[in-house]
């Protein structure tokens, strides 16, 4: 049976990079969540690796952190 993507090293990298991007943007989890129109627990679960995120949500997260989705994905790919 295939392993859930939540438990793959790629997801760990993704969530780590998202947390680093948010911190570099000078945002707390609460401020990021507010800008996304979500509860703080949403950001916490994503960054903790227990919540999946789709492409549209990732794009919105990047926008809030003032980073382009394209540059984020390029950095992600280069680290794999």
PDB file of N, CA and C in Angstrom:
ATOM      1  N   UNK A   1       0.848  -1.180   0.000  1.00  0.00           N
ATOM      2  CA  UNK A   1       0.000   0.000   0.000  1.00  0.00           C
ATOM      3  C   UNK A   1       0.894   1.244   0.000  1.00  0.00           C
ATOM      4  N   UNK A   2       0.571   2.247  -0.831  1.00  0.00           N
ATOM      5  CA  UNK A   2       1.383   3.464  -0.884  1.00  0.00           C
ATOM      6  C   UNK A   2       1.352   4.221   0.444  1.00  0.00           C
ATOM      7  N   UNK A   3       2.449   4.862   0.738  1.00  0.00           N
ATOM      8  CA  UNK A   3       2.549   5.672   1.939  1.00  0.00           C
ATOM      9  C   UNK A   3       1.888   7.027   1.695  1.00  0.00           C
ATOM     10  N   UNK A   4       1.143   7.518   2.676  1.00  0.00           N
ATOM     11  CA  UNK A   4       0.531   8.834   2.569  1.00  0.00           C
ATOM     12  C   UNK A   4       1.620   9.891   2.373  1.00  0.00           C
ATOM     13  N   UNK A   5       1.324  10.876   1.549  1.00  0.00           N
ATOM     14  CA  UNK A   5       2.311  11.934   1.311  1.00  0.00           C
ATOM     15  C   UNK A   5       2.615  12.731   2.570  1.00  0.00           C
ATOM     16  N   UNK A   6       1.741  12.664   3.563  1.00  0.00           N
ATOM     17  CA  UNK A   6       2.024  13.368   4.820  1.00  0.00           C
ATOM     18  C   UNK A   6       3.276  12.837   5.497  1.00  0.00           C
ATOM     19  N   UNK A   7       3.643  11.590   5.192  1.00  0.00           N
ATOM     20  CA  UNK A   7       4.764  10.959   5.880  1.00  0.00           C
ATOM     21  C   UNK A   7       6.012  10.836   5.015  1.00  0.00           C
ATOM     22  N   UNK A   8       6.026  11.512   3.891  1.00  0.00           N
ATOM     23  CA  UNK A   8       7.187  11.475   3.006  1.00  0.00           C
ATOM     24  C   UNK A   8       8.141  12.618   3.336  1.00  0.00           C
ATOM     25  N   UNK A   9       9.417  12.400   3.016  1.00  0.00           N
ATOM     26  CA  UNK A   9      10.420  13.435   3.304  1.00  0.00           C
ATOM     27  C   UNK A   9      10.129  14.709   2.520  1.00  0.00           C
ATOM     28  N   UNK A  10       9.497  14.589   1.360  1.00  0.00           N
ATOM     29  CA  UNK A  10       9.159  15.764   0.568  1.00  0.00           C
ATOM     30  C   UNK A  10       8.172  16.672   1.309  1.00  0.00           C
ATOM     31  N   UNK A  11       7.234  16.067   2.035  1.00  0.00           N
ATOM     32  CA  UNK A  11       6.283  16.870   2.806  1.00  0.00           C
ATOM     33  C   UNK A  11       6.982  17.567   3.971  1.00  0.00           C
ATOM     34  N   UNK A  12       7.927  16.881   4.577  1.00  0.00           N
ATOM     35  CA  UNK A  12       8.690  17.500   5.669  1.00  0.00           C
ATOM     36  C   UNK A  12       9.461  18.714   5.151  1.00  0.00           C
ATOM     37  N   UNK A  13      10.066  18.570   3.977  1.00  0.00           N
ATOM     38  CA  UNK A  13      10.775  19.692   3.368  1.00  0.00           C
ATOM     39  C   UNK A  13       9.816  20.831   3.051  1.00  0.00           C
ATOM     40  N   UNK A  14       8.668  20.495   2.462  1.00  0.00           N
ATOM     41  CA  UNK A  14       7.679  21.514   2.111  1.00  0.00           C
ATOM     42  C   UNK A  14       7.245  22.314   3.334  1.00  0.00           C
ATOM     43  N   UNK A  15       6.894  21.622   4.395  1.00  0.00           N
ATOM     44  CA  UNK A  15       6.404  22.321   5.580  1.00  0.00           C
ATOM     45  C   UNK A  15       7.509  23.135   6.256  1.00  0.00           C
ATOM     46  N   UNK A  16       8.722  22.618   6.240  1.00  0.00           N
ATOM     47  CA  UNK A  16       9.851  23.376   6.792  1.00  0.00           C
ATOM     48  C   UNK A  16      10.076  24.654   5.996  1.00  0.00           C
ATOM     49  N   UNK A  17      10.032  24.526   4.685  1.00  0.00           N
ATOM     50  CA  UNK A  17      10.234  25.711   3.833  1.00  0.00           C
ATOM     51  C   UNK A  17       9.104  26.724   4.003  1.00  0.00           C
ATOM     52  N   UNK A  18       7.897  26.248   4.187  1.00  0.00           N
ATOM     53  CA  UNK A  18       6.776  27.163   4.405  1.00  0.00           C
ATOM     54  C   UNK A  18       6.945  27.932   5.712  1.00  0.00           C
ATOM     55  N   UNK A  19       7.356  27.228   6.751  1.00  0.00           N
ATOM     56  CA  UNK A  19       7.588  27.877   8.048  1.00  0.00           C
ATOM     57  C   UNK A  19       8.706  28.907   7.927  1.00  0.00           C
ATOM     58  N   UNK A  20       9.799  28.540   7.259  1.00  0.00           N
ATOM     59  CA  UNK A  20      10.918  29.468   7.068  1.00  0.00           C
ATOM     60  C   UNK A  20      10.488  30.694   6.264  1.00  0.00           C
ATOM     61  N   UNK A  21       9.660  30.498   5.242  1.00  0.00           N
ATOM     62  CA  UNK A  21       9.176  31.605   4.422  1.00  0.00           C
ATOM     63  C   UNK A  21       8.318  32.557   5.258  1.00  0.00           C
ATOM     64  N   UNK A  22       7.442  32.001   6.096  1.00  0.00           N
ATOM     65  CA  UNK A  22       6.594  32.829   6.951  1.00  0.00           C
ATOM     66  C   UNK A  22       7.432  33.642   7.932  1.00  0.00           C
ATOM     67  N   UNK A  23       8.406  32.996   8.541  1.00  0.00           N
ATOM     68  CA  UNK A  23       9.271  33.679   9.514  1.00  0.00           C
ATOM     69  C   UNK A  23      10.086  34.767   8.818  1.00  0.00           C
ATOM     70  N   UNK A  24      10.612  34.469   7.628  1.00  0.00           N
ATOM     71  CA  UNK A  24      11.384  35.458   6.870  1.00  0.00           C
ATOM     72  C   UNK A  24      10.521  36.661   6.499  1.00  0.00           C
ATOM     73  N   UNK A  25       9.220  36.429   6.344  1.00  0.00           N
ATOM     74  CA  UNK A  25       8.301  37.530   6.028  1.00  0.00           C
ATOM     75  C   UNK A  25       7.928  38.325   7.280  1.00  0.00           C
ATOM     76  N   UNK A  26       8.415  37.873   8.438  1.00  0.00           N
ATOM     77  CA  UNK A  26       8.143  38.582   9.690  1.00  0.00           C
ATOM     78  C   UNK A  26       6.734  38.350  10.219  1.00  0.00           C
ATOM     79  N   UNK A  27       6.154  37.203   9.864  1.00  0.00           N
ATOM     80  CA  UNK A  27       4.786  36.902  10.284  1.00  0.00           C
ATOM     81  C   UNK A  27       4.761  35.833  11.362  1.00  0.00           C
ATOM     82  N   UNK A  28       3.889  36.014  12.328  1.00  0.00           N
ATOM     83  CA  UNK A  28       3.604  34.949  13.282  1.00  0.00           C
ATOM     84  C   UNK A  28       2.590  34.022  12.629  1.00  0.00           C
ATOM     85  N   UNK A  29       2.388  32.862  13.215  1.00  0.00           N
ATOM     86  CA  UNK A  29       1.354  31.973  12.693  1.00  0.00           C
ATOM     87  C   UNK A  29       0.001  32.665  12.736  1.00  0.00           C
ATOM     88  N   UNK A  30      -0.263  33.385  13.810  1.00  0.00           N
ATOM     89  CA  UNK A  30      -1.551  34.066  13.957  1.00  0.00           C
ATOM     90  C   UNK A  30      -1.744  35.133  12.877  1.00  0.00           C
ATOM     91  N   UNK A  31      -0.709  35.918  12.603  1.00  0.00           N
ATOM     92  CA  UNK A  31      -0.811  36.967  11.584  1.00  0.00           C
ATOM     93  C   UNK A  31      -0.979  36.362  10.198  1.00  0.00           C
ATOM     94  N   UNK A  32      -0.267  35.296   9.938  1.00  0.00           N
ATOM     95  CA  UNK A  32      -0.373  34.608   8.650  1.00  0.00           C
ATOM     96  C   UNK A  32      -1.788  34.058   8.486  1.00  0.00           C
ATOM     97  N   UNK A  33      -2.282  33.401   9.504  1.00  0.00           N
ATOM     98  CA  UNK A  33      -3.627  32.828   9.462  1.00  0.00           C
ATOM     99  C   UNK A  33      -4.679  33.905   9.259  1.00  0.00           C
ATOM    100  N   UNK A  34      -4.526  35.016   9.934  1.00  0.00           N
ATOM    101  CA  UNK A  34      -5.479  36.116   9.788  1.00  0.00           C
ATOM    102  C   UNK A  34      -5.503  36.621   8.346  1.00  0.00           C
ATOM    103  N   UNK A  35      -4.316  36.772   7.755  1.00  0.00           N
ATOM    104  CA  UNK A  35      -4.231  37.231   6.363  1.00  0.00           C
ATOM    105  C   UNK A  35      -4.854  36.212   5.406  1.00  0.00           C
ATOM    106  N   UNK A  36      -4.810  34.943   5.772  1.00  0.00           N
ATOM    107  CA  UNK A  36      -5.402  33.887   4.952  1.00  0.00           C
ATOM    108  C   UNK A  36      -6.896  33.717   5.218  1.00  0.00           C
ATOM    109  N   UNK A  37      -7.385  34.356   6.279  1.00  0.00           N
ATOM    110  CA  UNK A  37      -8.786  34.188   6.654  1.00  0.00           C
ATOM    111  C   UNK A  37      -9.063  32.832   7.279  1.00  0.00           C
ATOM    112  N   UNK A  38      -8.060  32.288   7.947  1.00  0.00           N
ATOM    113  CA  UNK A  38      -8.152  30.967   8.566  1.00  0.00           C
ATOM    114  C   UNK A  38      -7.789  31.075  10.041  1.00  0.00           C
ATOM    115  N   UNK A  39      -8.135  30.063  10.839  1.00  0.00           N
ATOM    116  CA  UNK A  39      -7.699  30.054  12.238  1.00  0.00           C
ATOM    117  C   UNK A  39      -6.199  29.751  12.331  1.00  0.00           C
ATOM    118  N   UNK A  40      -5.593  30.162  13.413  1.00  0.00           N
ATOM    119  CA  UNK A  40      -4.167  29.925  13.622  1.00  0.00           C
ATOM    120  C   UNK A  40      -3.845  28.448  13.568  1.00  0.00           C
ATOM    121  N   UNK A  41      -4.756  27.608  14.013  1.00  0.00           N
ATOM    122  CA  UNK A  41      -4.522  26.167  14.008  1.00  0.00           C
ATOM    123  C   UNK A  41      -4.318  25.623  12.589  1.00  0.00           C
ATOM    124  N   UNK A  42      -4.895  26.269  11.587  1.00  0.00           N
ATOM    125  CA  UNK A  42      -4.710  25.864  10.196  1.00  0.00           C
ATOM    126  C   UNK A  42      -3.238  25.965   9.816  1.00  0.00           C
ATOM    127  N   UNK A  43      -2.617  27.087  10.127  1.00  0.00           N
ATOM    128  CA  UNK A  43      -1.195  27.287   9.822  1.00  0.00           C
ATOM    129  C   UNK A  43      -0.344  26.327  10.644  1.00  0.00           C
ATOM    130  N   UNK A  44      -0.690  26.162  11.897  1.00  0.00           N
ATOM    131  CA  UNK A  44       0.057  25.258  12.766  1.00  0.00           C
ATOM    132  C   UNK A  44       0.028  23.822  12.237  1.00  0.00           C
ATOM    133  N   UNK A  45      -1.135  23.363  11.808  1.00  0.00           N
ATOM    134  CA  UNK A  45      -1.253  21.998  11.290  1.00  0.00           C
ATOM    135  C   UNK A  45      -0.481  21.824   9.987  1.00  0.00           C
ATOM    136  N   UNK A  46      -0.527  22.818   9.124  1.00  0.00           N
ATOM    137  CA  UNK A  46       0.227  22.730   7.872  1.00  0.00           C
ATOM    138  C   UNK A  46       1.720  22.687   8.173  1.00  0.00           C
ATOM    139  N   UNK A  47       2.195  23.624   8.972  1.00  0.00           N
ATOM    140  CA  UNK A  47       3.627  23.688   9.273  1.00  0.00           C
ATOM    141  C   UNK A  47       4.087  22.492  10.095  1.00  0.00           C
ATOM    142  N   UNK A  48       3.194  21.891  10.835  1.00  0.00           N
ATOM    143  CA  UNK A  48       3.529  20.707  11.615  1.00  0.00           C
ATOM    144  C   UNK A  48       3.483  19.430  10.802  1.00  0.00           C
ATOM    145  N   UNK A  49       2.983  19.538   9.573  1.00  0.00           N
ATOM    146  CA  UNK A  49       2.958  18.391   8.684  1.00  0.00           C
ATOM    147  C   UNK A  49       1.765  17.477   8.837  1.00  0.00           C
ATOM    148  N   UNK A  50       0.772  17.887   9.607  1.00  0.00           N
ATOM    149  CA  UNK A  50      -0.390  17.016   9.798  1.00  0.00           C
ATOM    150  C   UNK A  50      -1.577  17.405   8.927  1.00  0.00           C
ATOM    151  N   UNK A  51      -1.466  18.497   8.200  1.00  0.00           N
ATOM    152  CA  UNK A  51      -2.542  18.967   7.328  1.00  0.00           C
ATOM    153  C   UNK A  51      -2.020  19.104   5.910  1.00  0.00           C
ATOM    154  N   UNK A  52      -2.701  18.499   4.958  1.00  0.00           N
ATOM    155  CA  UNK A  52      -2.322  18.660   3.554  1.00  0.00           C
ATOM    156  C   UNK A  52      -2.672  20.060   3.086  1.00  0.00           C
ATOM    157  N   UNK A  53      -1.977  20.495   2.053  1.00  0.00           N
ATOM    158  CA  UNK A  53      -2.249  21.799   1.464  1.00  0.00           C
ATOM    159  C   UNK A  53      -2.299  21.614  -0.047  1.00  0.00           C
ATOM    160  N   UNK A  54      -3.275  22.234  -0.696  1.00  0.00           N
ATOM    161  CA  UNK A  54      -3.348  22.109  -2.145  1.00  0.00           C
ATOM    162  C   UNK A  54      -2.610  23.274  -2.799  1.00  0.00           C
ATOM    163  N   UNK A  55      -2.517  23.225  -4.109  1.00  0.00           N
ATOM    164  CA  UNK A  55      -1.743  24.221  -4.849  1.00  0.00           C
ATOM    165  C   UNK A  55      -2.298  25.628  -4.655  1.00  0.00           C
ATOM    166  N   UNK A  56      -3.595  25.766  -4.645  1.00  0.00           N
ATOM    167  CA  UNK A  56      -4.207  27.090  -4.474  1.00  0.00           C
ATOM    168  C   UNK A  56      -3.900  27.633  -3.083  1.00  0.00           C
ATOM    169  N   UNK A  57      -3.978  26.774  -2.071  1.00  0.00           N
ATOM    170  CA  UNK A  57      -3.644  27.212  -0.713  1.00  0.00           C
ATOM    171  C   UNK A  57      -2.171  27.581  -0.604  1.00  0.00           C
ATOM    172  N   UNK A  58      -1.301  26.819  -1.254  1.00  0.00           N
ATOM    173  CA  UNK A  58       0.122  27.141  -1.244  1.00  0.00           C
ATOM    174  C   UNK A  58       0.365  28.490  -1.903  1.00  0.00           C
ATOM    175  N   UNK A  59      -0.306  28.738  -3.010  1.00  0.00           N
ATOM    176  CA  UNK A  59      -0.172  30.032  -3.694  1.00  0.00           C
ATOM    177  C   UNK A  59      -0.609  31.172  -2.778  1.00  0.00           C
ATOM    178  N   UNK A  60      -1.746  31.017  -2.093  1.00  0.00           N
ATOM    179  CA  UNK A  60      -2.228  32.039  -1.164  1.00  0.00           C
ATOM    180  C   UNK A  60      -1.233  32.256  -0.024  1.00  0.00           C
ATOM    181  N   UNK A  61      -0.662  31.178   0.486  1.00  0.00           N
ATOM    182  CA  UNK A  61       0.335  31.251   1.553  1.00  0.00           C
ATOM    183  C   UNK A  61       1.551  32.042   1.069  1.00  0.00           C
ATOM    184  N   UNK A  62       1.996  31.748  -0.159  1.00  0.00           N
ATOM    185  CA  UNK A  62       3.138  32.466  -0.743  1.00  0.00           C
ATOM    186  C   UNK A  62       2.824  33.955  -0.882  1.00  0.00           C
ATOM    187  N   UNK A  63       1.627  34.275  -1.353  1.00  0.00           N
ATOM    188  CA  UNK A  63       1.236  35.673  -1.529  1.00  0.00           C
ATOM    189  C   UNK A  63       1.279  36.411  -0.190  1.00  0.00           C
ATOM    190  N   UNK A  64       0.740  35.792   0.841  1.00  0.00           N
ATOM    191  CA  UNK A  64       0.750  36.402   2.179  1.00  0.00           C
ATOM    192  C   UNK A  64       2.185  36.637   2.641  1.00  0.00           C
ATOM    193  N   UNK A  65       3.083  35.728   2.280  1.00  0.00           N
ATOM    194  CA  UNK A  65       4.491  35.841   2.676  1.00  0.00           C
ATOM    195  C   UNK A  65       5.320  36.633   1.662  1.00  0.00           C
ATOM    196  N   UNK A  66       4.641  37.251   0.702  1.00  0.00           N
ATOM    197  CA  UNK A  66       5.282  38.095  -0.316  1.00  0.00           C
ATOM    198  C   UNK A  66       6.372  37.357  -1.087  1.00  0.00           C
ATOM    199  N   UNK A  67       6.042  36.128  -1.486  1.00  0.00           N
ATOM    200  CA  UNK A  67       6.929  35.283  -2.273  1.00  0.00           C
ATOM    201  C   UNK A  67       6.125  34.741  -3.444  1.00  0.00           C
ATOM    202  N   UNK A  68       6.729  34.654  -4.607  1.00  0.00           N
ATOM    203  CA  UNK A  68       5.992  34.087  -5.731  1.00  0.00           C
ATOM    204  C   UNK A  68       5.969  32.568  -5.605  1.00  0.00           C
ATOM    205  N   UNK A  69       4.879  31.988  -6.046  1.00  0.00           N
ATOM    206  CA  UNK A  69       4.750  30.539  -6.039  1.00  0.00           C
ATOM    207  C   UNK A  69       5.864  29.908  -6.873  1.00  0.00           C
ATOM    208  N   UNK A  70       6.159  30.516  -8.004  1.00  0.00           N
ATOM    209  CA  UNK A  70       7.191  29.991  -8.894  1.00  0.00           C
ATOM    210  C   UNK A  70       8.542  29.919  -8.207  1.00  0.00           C
ATOM    211  N   UNK A  71       8.944  30.980  -7.537  1.00  0.00           N
ATOM    212  CA  UNK A  71      10.249  30.972  -6.873  1.00  0.00           C
ATOM    213  C   UNK A  71      10.266  29.977  -5.715  1.00  0.00           C
ATOM    214  N   UNK A  72       9.144  29.853  -5.014  1.00  0.00           N
ATOM    215  CA  UNK A  72       9.069  28.883  -3.921  1.00  0.00           C
ATOM    216  C   UNK A  72       9.244  27.466  -4.456  1.00  0.00           C
ATOM    217  N   UNK A  73       8.537  27.135  -5.529  1.00  0.00           N
ATOM    218  CA  UNK A  73       8.609  25.792  -6.100  1.00  0.00           C
ATOM    219  C   UNK A  73      10.007  25.511  -6.646  1.00  0.00           C
ATOM    220  N   UNK A  74      10.634  26.502  -7.249  1.00  0.00           N
ATOM    221  CA  UNK A  74      12.004  26.305  -7.749  1.00  0.00           C
ATOM    222  C   UNK A  74      12.953  25.997  -6.598  1.00  0.00           C
ATOM    223  N   UNK A  75      12.826  26.713  -5.492  1.00  0.00           N
ATOM    224  CA  UNK A  75      13.669  26.440  -4.325  1.00  0.00           C
ATOM    225  C   UNK A  75      13.386  25.042  -3.772  1.00  0.00           C
ATOM    226  N   UNK A  76      12.111  24.689  -3.730  1.00  0.00           N
ATOM    227  CA  UNK A  76      11.715  23.368  -3.245  1.00  0.00           C
ATOM    228  C   UNK A  76      12.352  22.272  -4.104  1.00  0.00           C
ATOM    229  N   UNK A  77      12.230  22.402  -5.392  1.00  0.00           N
ATOM    230  CA  UNK A  77      12.798  21.406  -6.319  1.00  0.00           C
ATOM    231  C   UNK A  77      14.322  21.317  -6.189  1.00  0.00           C
ATOM    232  N   UNK A  78      14.967  22.452  -6.001  1.00  0.00           N
ATOM    233  CA  UNK A  78      16.436  22.436  -5.897  1.00  0.00           C
ATOM    234  C   UNK A  78      16.909  21.758  -4.609  1.00  0.00           C
ATOM    235  N   UNK A  79      16.061  21.717  -3.587  1.00  0.00           N
ATOM    236  CA  UNK A  79      16.441  21.106  -2.322  1.00  0.00           C
ATOM    237  C   UNK A  79      16.134  19.612  -2.262  1.00  0.00           C
ATOM    238  N   UNK A  80      15.355  19.132  -3.212  1.00  0.00           N
ATOM    239  CA  UNK A  80      15.016  17.693  -3.202  1.00  0.00           C
ATOM    240  C   UNK A  80      16.207  16.845  -3.568  1.00  0.00           C
TER     241      UNK A  80
END
